[in-house]
Protein backbone atom coordinates (compact mmCIF):
# COMPACT_ATOMS: atom_id res chain seq x y z
CA MET A 1 16.99 3.08 58.12
CA ARG A 2 15.18 -0.08 59.12
CA GLU A 3 16.54 -2.32 61.89
CA GLN A 4 18.88 -4.90 60.30
CA ARG A 5 19.76 -6.99 63.37
CA LYS A 6 18.27 -10.46 63.88
CA ARG A 7 15.74 -11.07 66.66
CA LEU A 8 15.01 -14.47 68.18
CA GLU A 9 12.65 -15.83 70.82
CA GLY A 10 13.61 -18.59 73.19
CA ILE A 11 13.50 -20.05 76.68
CA VAL A 12 16.15 -19.37 79.31
CA THR A 13 17.87 -22.62 80.28
CA SER A 14 20.56 -21.21 82.59
CA ASP A 15 21.04 -18.01 84.60
CA LYS A 16 23.97 -19.11 86.77
CA MET A 17 26.48 -16.68 85.24
CA GLU A 18 26.86 -13.01 86.14
CA LYS A 19 25.00 -10.81 83.58
CA THR A 20 24.75 -13.76 81.15
CA ILE A 21 21.95 -16.17 80.33
CA VAL A 22 21.74 -19.19 78.03
CA VAL A 23 18.73 -19.07 75.69
CA GLU A 24 17.48 -22.18 73.87
CA VAL A 25 15.92 -21.30 70.50
CA SER A 26 13.83 -23.97 68.79
CA THR A 27 13.05 -23.85 65.07
CA THR A 28 11.11 -26.26 62.88
CA LYS A 29 11.96 -27.01 59.28
CA ARG A 30 10.56 -29.44 56.74
CA HIS A 31 13.04 -31.89 55.21
CA GLN A 32 13.67 -31.00 51.58
CA ARG A 33 13.29 -34.51 50.15
CA TYR A 34 11.23 -36.52 52.64
CA GLY A 35 8.92 -33.84 54.01
CA LYS A 36 9.40 -34.83 57.65
CA VAL A 37 9.25 -31.93 60.10
CA ILE A 38 12.57 -31.59 61.94
CA ARG A 39 12.96 -29.60 65.14
CA LYS A 40 16.33 -27.93 65.56
CA ILE A 41 17.47 -26.56 68.93
CA LYS A 42 20.32 -24.08 69.27
CA LYS A 43 21.68 -22.40 72.40
CA PHE A 44 22.84 -18.79 72.52
CA LYS A 45 24.57 -16.87 75.31
CA ALA A 46 22.92 -13.47 75.79
CA HIS A 47 23.83 -10.39 77.83
CA ASP A 48 21.39 -9.60 80.65
CA GLU A 49 22.58 -6.30 82.15
CA SER A 50 20.15 -6.17 85.07
CA ASN A 51 20.26 -9.92 85.95
CA GLU A 52 16.45 -10.14 85.96
CA CYS A 53 15.93 -13.21 83.74
CA ARG A 54 15.31 -16.54 85.46
CA THR A 55 15.34 -20.14 84.22
CA GLY A 56 12.14 -20.94 82.31
CA ASP A 57 11.38 -17.36 81.19
CA ARG A 58 10.48 -16.73 77.55
CA VAL A 59 12.67 -13.90 76.23
CA GLN A 60 13.41 -12.01 73.05
CA ILE A 61 17.09 -11.51 72.15
CA ILE A 62 18.74 -9.31 69.53
CA GLU A 63 22.04 -9.58 67.72
CA SER A 64 24.72 -7.23 69.07
CA ARG A 65 28.44 -6.52 68.93
CA PRO A 66 30.73 -9.14 70.50
CA ILE A 67 30.56 -8.66 74.28
CA SER A 68 32.85 -11.60 75.14
CA ARG A 69 34.33 -14.64 73.40
CA THR A 70 30.97 -16.43 73.11
CA LYS A 71 28.41 -13.66 73.77
CA ARG A 72 26.95 -11.92 70.70
CA TRP A 73 23.30 -11.44 71.75
CA SER A 74 21.49 -9.13 74.18
CA VAL A 75 18.14 -9.47 75.95
CA VAL A 76 15.47 -7.09 74.59
CA SER A 77 12.52 -8.07 76.74
CA ILE A 78 11.00 -10.79 78.89
CA LEU A 79 7.87 -12.00 77.09
CA GLU A 80 6.60 -14.46 79.70
CA ARG A 81 7.72 -15.29 83.24
CA ALA A 82 8.30 -18.88 84.37
CA LYS A 83 5.53 -20.41 86.45
């Protein structure tokens, strides 16, 4: 069976918690009536088991079972390190 879970890419904005990072995911969408391009930013808390992600890294996260009250995503891979 094909993988059904959602995958998102974003930038780590905070790594101050233990085994948790905050990932900012930006999406663009065109307004239905006026056609203006709107950028929407949403923040997700993701589980980082090995504590290797740092602020500014580009990461890929995947939907997972609830790990805590606000954590429902896990880090799959680090796509690009912060400079």
